[in-house]
Amino acid sequence: MKKNILTLNKLSKIALGGFFIASTFMLSACKGNSNEEETISVEEVKPTKGVITEIEEGKDGEFKIISEKTIANPDESKAIVHYADGKVDTLNSTQVKNEIEKAPSSHAGTGFLSGILMYSLMSRFMGGGMNSNFVPNPNAYKTPEAYNQANQTNNEVNRTATRTVRTIKNPKSGFGSKSSSTSRSGFRSTRSYGG
């Protein structure tokens, strides 16, 4: 009778073969079904009403919001700035965006015109803030009445906005990818799997 003796060479070949088989199964499990594509549902929020934001410069040079009201056409949204010297400027959404973008980061707080514009409801119409989580900053308003009016205006803009949900292929699908639940641009996404 002949005995089968496992040599170190045979044993290493068996172990190596087992390793390759296990690796193949692990890789195919990580990859998943190639027919499945990761998708995300995107909610696009578009305002149906616009906003007029009025800002006043105080004698100390600090700017505060004095009024924010809705208007019928979102494309006519604007900021009206009353300067301490009596000058009045009217800024459309492009001018508001430029004012915010050109400001140094030290002007991001309240008091500076660019900072106040950033905290205003008007900033929601610049392609970045149309989400339902926006809350006016009370420090940006001259009076509690102006702040309360802004909250009412904000609620009206949210309530009347149109919402469209689309399902799109996730551009970042794959191992280790993340999908956000809410982005700055007013898009809300949730992860789902098709197939």
C-alpha atoms as a PDB file:
ATOM      1  CA  MET A   1       0.000   0.000   0.000  1.00  0.00           C
ATOM      2  CA  LYS A   2       1.272   3.397  -1.013  1.00  0.00           C
ATOM      3  CA  LYS A   3       0.903   6.261   1.463  1.00  0.00           C
ATOM      4  CA  ASN A   4       0.051   9.767   0.321  1.00  0.00           C
ATOM      5  CA  ILE A   5       2.440  12.111   1.992  1.00  0.00           C
ATOM      6  CA  LEU A   6       1.777  15.813   1.822  1.00  0.00           C
ATOM      7  CA  THR A   7       4.957  17.639   1.229  1.00  0.00           C
ATOM      8  CA  LEU A   8       5.478  21.282   2.017  1.00  0.00           C
ATOM      9  CA  ASN A   9       5.418  22.025  -1.705  1.00  0.00           C
ATOM     10  CA  LYS A  10       2.012  20.328  -2.196  1.00  0.00           C
ATOM     11  CA  LEU A  11       0.623  21.947   0.924  1.00  0.00           C
ATOM     12  CA  SER A  12       1.644  25.436  -0.223  1.00  0.00           C
ATOM     13  CA  LYS A  13       0.058  24.832  -3.659  1.00  0.00           C
ATOM     14  CA  ILE A  14      -3.229  23.773  -2.040  1.00  0.00           C
ATOM     15  CA  ALA A  15      -3.197  26.796   0.293  1.00  0.00           C
ATOM     16  CA  LEU A  16      -2.387  29.152  -2.559  1.00  0.00           C
ATOM     17  CA  GLY A  17      -5.173  27.677  -4.706  1.00  0.00           C
ATOM     18  CA  GLY A  18      -7.636  28.049  -1.823  1.00  0.00           C
ATOM     19  CA  PHE A  19      -6.563  31.632  -1.361  1.00  0.00           C
ATOM     20  CA  PHE A  20      -7.206  32.446  -5.050  1.00  0.00           C
ATOM     21  CA  ILE A  21     -10.630  30.789  -4.976  1.00  0.00           C
ATOM     22  CA  ALA A  22     -11.607  32.678  -1.794  1.00  0.00           C
ATOM     23  CA  SER A  23     -10.303  35.957  -3.269  1.00  0.00           C
ATOM     24  CA  THR A  24     -12.373  35.475  -6.417  1.00  0.00           C
ATOM     25  CA  PHE A  25     -15.538  34.935  -4.378  1.00  0.00           C
ATOM     26  CA  MET A  26     -14.778  37.958  -2.200  1.00  0.00           C
ATOM     27  CA  LEU A  27     -14.164  40.240  -5.175  1.00  0.00           C
ATOM     28  CA  SER A  28     -17.345  39.153  -6.926  1.00  0.00           C
ATOM     29  CA  ALA A  29     -19.298  39.712  -3.691  1.00  0.00           C
ATOM     30  CA  CYS A  30     -17.891  43.239  -3.366  1.00  0.00           C
ATOM     31  CA  LYS A  31     -18.634  44.011  -6.995  1.00  0.00           C
ATOM     32  CA  GLY A  32     -22.210  42.782  -6.724  1.00  0.00           C
ATOM     33  CA  ASN A  33     -24.476  42.206  -9.662  1.00  0.00           C
ATOM     34  CA  SER A  34     -23.109  44.137 -12.622  1.00  0.00           C
ATOM     35  CA  ASN A  35     -26.707  44.779 -13.756  1.00  0.00           C
ATOM     36  CA  GLU A  36     -27.418  46.820 -10.604  1.00  0.00           C
ATOM     37  CA  GLU A  37     -26.691  50.527 -10.840  1.00  0.00           C
ATOM     38  CA  GLU A  38     -26.742  52.787  -7.845  1.00  0.00           C
ATOM     39  CA  THR A  39     -29.188  55.654  -8.302  1.00  0.00           C
ATOM     40  CA  ILE A  40     -30.140  58.670  -6.266  1.00  0.00           C
ATOM     41  CA  SER A  41     -33.425  60.510  -6.084  1.00  0.00           C
ATOM     42  CA  VAL A  42     -32.897  64.232  -6.500  1.00  0.00           C
ATOM     43  CA  GLU A  43     -35.467  66.789  -5.377  1.00  0.00           C
ATOM     44  CA  GLU A  44     -35.213  70.060  -7.279  1.00  0.00           C
ATOM     45  CA  VAL A  45     -36.837  72.988  -5.522  1.00  0.00           C
ATOM     46  CA  LYS A  46     -37.723  76.022  -7.621  1.00  0.00           C
ATOM     47  CA  PRO A  47     -39.267  79.163  -6.139  1.00  0.00           C
ATOM     48  CA  THR A  48     -42.492  80.467  -7.663  1.00  0.00           C
ATOM     49  CA  LYS A  49     -42.269  83.754  -5.762  1.00  0.00           C
ATOM     50  CA  GLY A  50     -39.431  86.213  -5.420  1.00  0.00           C
ATOM     51  CA  VAL A  51     -38.163  88.414  -2.602  1.00  0.00           C
ATOM     52  CA  ILE A  52     -37.358  92.077  -2.139  1.00  0.00           C
ATOM     53  CA  THR A  53     -34.832  92.580   0.644  1.00  0.00           C
ATOM     54  CA  GLU A  54     -34.355  96.086   2.029  1.00  0.00           C
ATOM     55  CA  ILE A  55     -31.116  96.824   3.872  1.00  0.00           C
ATOM     56  CA  GLU A  56     -30.177  99.934   5.808  1.00  0.00           C
ATOM     57  CA  GLU A  57     -26.747 101.234   6.751  1.00  0.00           C
ATOM     58  CA  GLY A  58     -26.636 102.622  10.252  1.00  0.00           C
ATOM     59  CA  LYS A  59     -24.643 105.683  11.364  1.00  0.00           C
ATOM     60  CA  ASP A  60     -22.012 103.303  12.704  1.00  0.00           C
ATOM     61  CA  GLY A  61     -21.541 101.832   9.185  1.00  0.00           C
ATOM     62  CA  GLU A  62     -23.193  98.536  10.100  1.00  0.00           C
ATOM     63  CA  PHE A  63     -25.794  97.107   7.709  1.00  0.00           C
ATOM     64  CA  LYS A  64     -29.042  95.476   8.866  1.00  0.00           C
ATOM     65  CA  ILE A  65     -32.077  94.064   7.053  1.00  0.00           C
ATOM     66  CA  ILE A  66     -35.151  96.220   7.625  1.00  0.00           C
ATOM     67  CA  SER A  67     -37.680  94.348   5.468  1.00  0.00           C
ATOM     68  CA  GLU A  68     -38.114  91.214   3.348  1.00  0.00           C
ATOM     69  CA  LYS A  69     -41.299  90.692   1.340  1.00  0.00           C
ATOM     70  CA  THR A  70     -42.439  88.304  -1.372  1.00  0.00           C
ATOM     71  CA  ILE A  71     -43.135  89.394  -4.933  1.00  0.00           C
ATOM     72  CA  ALA A  72     -44.891  87.515  -7.737  1.00  0.00           C
ATOM     73  CA  ASN A  73     -41.896  86.901 -10.038  1.00  0.00           C
ATOM     74  CA  PRO A  74     -38.724  85.251  -8.657  1.00  0.00           C
ATOM     75  CA  ASP A  75     -36.705  86.680 -11.571  1.00  0.00           C
ATOM     76  CA  GLU A  76     -37.426  90.178 -10.257  1.00  0.00           C
ATOM     77  CA  SER A  77     -35.924  89.475  -6.823  1.00  0.00           C
ATOM     78  CA  LYS A  78     -33.680  92.281  -5.658  1.00  0.00           C
ATOM     79  CA  ALA A  79     -31.983  93.941  -2.725  1.00  0.00           C
ATOM     80  CA  ILE A  80     -32.516  97.638  -2.050  1.00  0.00           C
ATOM     81  CA  VAL A  81     -29.686  99.164  -0.030  1.00  0.00           C
ATOM     82  CA  HIS A  82     -30.238 102.444   1.842  1.00  0.00           C
ATOM     83  CA  TYR A  83     -26.871 104.028   2.702  1.00  0.00           C
ATOM     84  CA  ALA A  84     -26.328 106.358   5.661  1.00  0.00           C
ATOM     85  CA  ASP A  85     -25.481 109.241   3.274  1.00  0.00           C
ATOM     86  CA  GLY A  86     -28.943 109.001   1.650  1.00  0.00           C
ATOM     87  CA  LYS A  87     -27.814 107.093  -1.454  1.00  0.00           C
ATOM     88  CA  VAL A  88     -30.017 104.142  -2.517  1.00  0.00           C
ATOM     89  CA  ASP A  89     -28.812 101.185  -4.617  1.00  0.00           C
ATOM     90  CA  THR A  90     -30.927  98.456  -6.150  1.00  0.00           C
ATOM     91  CA  LEU A  91     -29.096  95.165  -6.744  1.00  0.00           C
ATOM     92  CA  ASN A  92     -30.453  92.333  -8.889  1.00  0.00           C
ATOM     93  CA  SER A  93     -29.593  88.706  -8.077  1.00  0.00           C
ATOM     94  CA  THR A  94     -26.435  88.765 -10.237  1.00  0.00           C
ATOM     95  CA  GLN A  95     -25.184  91.902  -8.484  1.00  0.00           C
ATOM     96  CA  VAL A  96     -25.979  90.404  -5.063  1.00  0.00           C
ATOM     97  CA  LYS A  97     -24.040  87.269  -5.975  1.00  0.00           C
ATOM     98  CA  ASN A  98     -21.068  89.349  -7.173  1.00  0.00           C
ATOM     99  CA  GLU A  99     -21.129  91.427  -3.972  1.00  0.00           C
ATOM    100  CA  ILE A 100     -21.008  88.282  -1.837  1.00  0.00           C
ATOM    101  CA  GLU A 101     -18.309  86.590  -3.943  1.00  0.00           C
ATOM    102  CA  LYS A 102     -15.933  89.562  -4.010  1.00  0.00           C
ATOM    103  CA  ALA A 103     -16.075  90.082  -0.254  1.00  0.00           C
ATOM    104  CA  PRO A 104     -13.161  88.845   1.852  1.00  0.00           C
ATOM    105  CA  SER A 105     -13.951  86.054   4.310  1.00  0.00           C
ATOM    106  CA  SER A 106     -13.592  88.563   7.163  1.00  0.00           C
ATOM    107  CA  HIS A 107     -16.828  90.190   5.899  1.00  0.00           C
ATOM    108  CA  ALA A 108     -18.851  86.974   6.195  1.00  0.00           C
ATOM    109  CA  GLY A 109     -20.351  88.015   9.530  1.00  0.00           C
ATOM    110  CA  THR A 110     -23.186  90.406  10.105  1.00  0.00           C
ATOM    111  CA  GLY A 111     -22.559  94.119   9.841  1.00  0.00           C
ATOM    112  CA  PHE A 112     -20.879  94.227   6.430  1.00  0.00           C
ATOM    113  CA  LEU A 113     -23.090  94.567   3.347  1.00  0.00           C
ATOM    114  CA  SER A 114     -21.784  91.323   1.833  1.00  0.00           C
ATOM    115  CA  GLY A 115     -22.425  89.413   5.069  1.00  0.00           C
ATOM    116  CA  ILE A 116     -25.952  90.775   5.412  1.00  0.00           C
ATOM    117  CA  LEU A 117     -26.682  89.870   1.792  1.00  0.00           C
ATOM    118  CA  MET A 118     -25.433  86.344   2.513  1.00  0.00           C
ATOM    119  CA  TYR A 119     -27.889  86.031   5.423  1.00  0.00           C
ATOM    120  CA  SER A 120     -30.801  87.521   3.499  1.00  0.00           C
ATOM    121  CA  LEU A 121     -33.621  85.601   1.845  1.00  0.00           C
ATOM    122  CA  MET A 122     -32.408  87.181  -1.400  1.00  0.00           C
ATOM    123  CA  SER A 123     -29.353  84.910  -1.271  1.00  0.00           C
ATOM    124  CA  ARG A 124     -31.646  81.893  -1.757  1.00  0.00           C
ATOM    125  CA  PHE A 125     -32.233  82.930  -5.363  1.00  0.00           C
ATOM    126  CA  MET A 126     -28.581  82.680  -6.365  1.00  0.00           C
ATOM    127  CA  GLY A 127     -28.598  78.957  -7.103  1.00  0.00           C
ATOM    128  CA  GLY A 128     -27.434  77.757  -3.731  1.00  0.00           C
ATOM    129  CA  GLY A 129     -29.932  78.051  -0.960  1.00  0.00           C
ATOM    130  CA  MET A 130     -33.358  76.857  -2.081  1.00  0.00           C
ATOM    131  CA  ASN A 131     -33.751  74.226   0.586  1.00  0.00           C
ATOM    132  CA  SER A 132     -36.342  73.919   3.296  1.00  0.00           C
ATOM    133  CA  ASN A 133     -33.728  74.049   6.081  1.00  0.00           C
ATOM    134  CA  PHE A 134     -32.938  77.756   5.613  1.00  0.00           C
ATOM    135  CA  VAL A 135     -33.614  79.834   8.729  1.00  0.00           C
ATOM    136  CA  PRO A 136     -33.049  83.605   8.797  1.00  0.00           C
ATOM    137  CA  ASN A 137     -30.278  84.798  11.141  1.00  0.00           C
ATOM    138  CA  PRO A 138     -31.826  87.075  13.804  1.00  0.00           C
ATOM    139  CA  ASN A 139     -28.568  89.073  14.098  1.00  0.00           C
ATOM    140  CA  ALA A 140     -28.936  90.249  10.491  1.00  0.00           C
ATOM    141  CA  TYR A 141     -32.197  92.116  11.174  1.00  0.00           C
ATOM    142  CA  LYS A 142     -32.602  95.609  12.581  1.00  0.00           C
ATOM    143  CA  THR A 143     -35.693  94.803  14.645  1.00  0.00           C
ATOM    144  CA  PRO A 144     -37.508  91.720  15.950  1.00  0.00           C
ATOM    145  CA  GLU A 145     -40.453  92.712  13.722  1.00  0.00           C
ATOM    146  CA  ALA A 146     -38.211  92.599  10.623  1.00  0.00           C
ATOM    147  CA  TYR A 147     -36.950  89.162  11.690  1.00  0.00           C
ATOM    148  CA  ASN A 148     -40.512  87.863  12.227  1.00  0.00           C
ATOM    149  CA  GLN A 149     -41.540  89.226   8.830  1.00  0.00           C
ATOM    150  CA  ALA A 150     -38.555  87.428   7.255  1.00  0.00           C
ATOM    151  CA  ASN A 151     -39.635  84.134   8.819  1.00  0.00           C
ATOM    152  CA  GLN A 152     -43.143  84.575   7.390  1.00  0.00           C
ATOM    153  CA  THR A 153     -41.695  85.444   3.986  1.00  0.00           C
ATOM    154  CA  ASN A 154     -39.361  82.447   4.149  1.00  0.00           C
ATOM    155  CA  ASN A 155     -42.285  80.141   4.979  1.00  0.00           C
ATOM    156  CA  GLU A 156     -44.306  81.525   2.065  1.00  0.00           C
ATOM    157  CA  VAL A 157     -41.408  81.036  -0.378  1.00  0.00           C
ATOM    158  CA  ASN A 158     -41.004  77.424   0.844  1.00  0.00           C
ATOM    159  CA  ARG A 159     -44.726  76.669   0.752  1.00  0.00           C
ATOM    160  CA  THR A 160     -45.224  77.961  -2.797  1.00  0.00           C
ATOM    161  CA  ALA A 161     -42.054  76.485  -4.335  1.00  0.00           C
ATOM    162  CA  THR A 162     -42.420  73.691  -6.878  1.00  0.00           C
ATOM    163  CA  ARG A 163     -40.698  70.401  -6.173  1.00  0.00           C
ATOM    164  CA  THR A 164     -39.660  67.873  -8.799  1.00  0.00           C
ATOM    165  CA  VAL A 165     -38.141  64.504  -7.917  1.00  0.00           C
ATOM    166  CA  ARG A 166     -35.982  62.732 -10.488  1.00  0.00           C
ATOM    167  CA  THR A 167     -34.003  59.499 -10.243  1.00  0.00           C
ATOM    168  CA  ILE A 168     -30.540  59.714 -11.745  1.00  0.00           C
ATOM    169  CA  LYS A 169     -27.512  57.423 -11.930  1.00  0.00           C
ATOM    170  CA  ASN A 170     -25.172  58.169  -9.051  1.00  0.00           C
ATOM    171  CA  PRO A 171     -21.933  59.532 -10.563  1.00  0.00           C
ATOM    172  CA  LYS A 172     -20.037  58.361  -7.477  1.00  0.00           C
ATOM    173  CA  SER A 173     -21.336  54.798  -7.239  1.00  0.00           C
ATOM    174  CA  GLY A 174     -18.984  52.010  -6.254  1.00  0.00           C
ATOM    175  CA  PHE A 175     -17.106  50.748  -3.235  1.00  0.00           C
ATOM    176  CA  GLY A 176     -16.471  53.471  -0.669  1.00  0.00           C
ATOM    177  CA  SER A 177     -18.681  56.067  -2.342  1.00  0.00           C
ATOM    178  CA  LYS A 178     -20.939  58.346  -0.373  1.00  0.00           C
ATOM    179  CA  SER A 179     -24.146  60.044  -1.380  1.00  0.00           C
ATOM    180  CA  SER A 180     -25.242  63.122   0.458  1.00  0.00           C
ATOM    181  CA  SER A 181     -28.642  63.509   1.997  1.00  0.00           C
ATOM    182  CA  THR A 182     -28.826  67.235   1.350  1.00  0.00           C
ATOM    183  CA  SER A 183     -26.633  69.535  -0.648  1.00  0.00           C
ATOM    184  CA  ARG A 184     -26.327  73.297  -0.611  1.00  0.00           C
ATOM    185  CA  SER A 185     -27.983  73.724  -3.951  1.00  0.00           C
ATOM    186  CA  GLY A 186     -31.409  72.738  -2.758  1.00  0.00           C
ATOM    187  CA  PHE A 187     -31.177  69.189  -4.046  1.00  0.00           C
ATOM    188  CA  ARG A 188     -32.141  66.429  -1.662  1.00  0.00           C
ATOM    189  CA  SER A 189     -30.940  62.935  -2.516  1.00  0.00           C
ATOM    190  CA  THR A 190     -31.461  59.491  -1.092  1.00  0.00           C
ATOM    191  CA  ARG A 191     -29.590  56.329  -1.972  1.00  0.00           C
ATOM    192  CA  SER A 192     -31.504  53.562  -3.719  1.00  0.00           C
ATOM    193  CA  TYR A 193     -30.534  50.568  -5.824  1.00  0.00           C
ATOM    194  CA  GLY A 194     -32.063  49.709  -9.161  1.00  0.00           C
ATOM    195  CA  GLY A 195     -32.167  46.369 -10.849  1.00  0.00           C
END
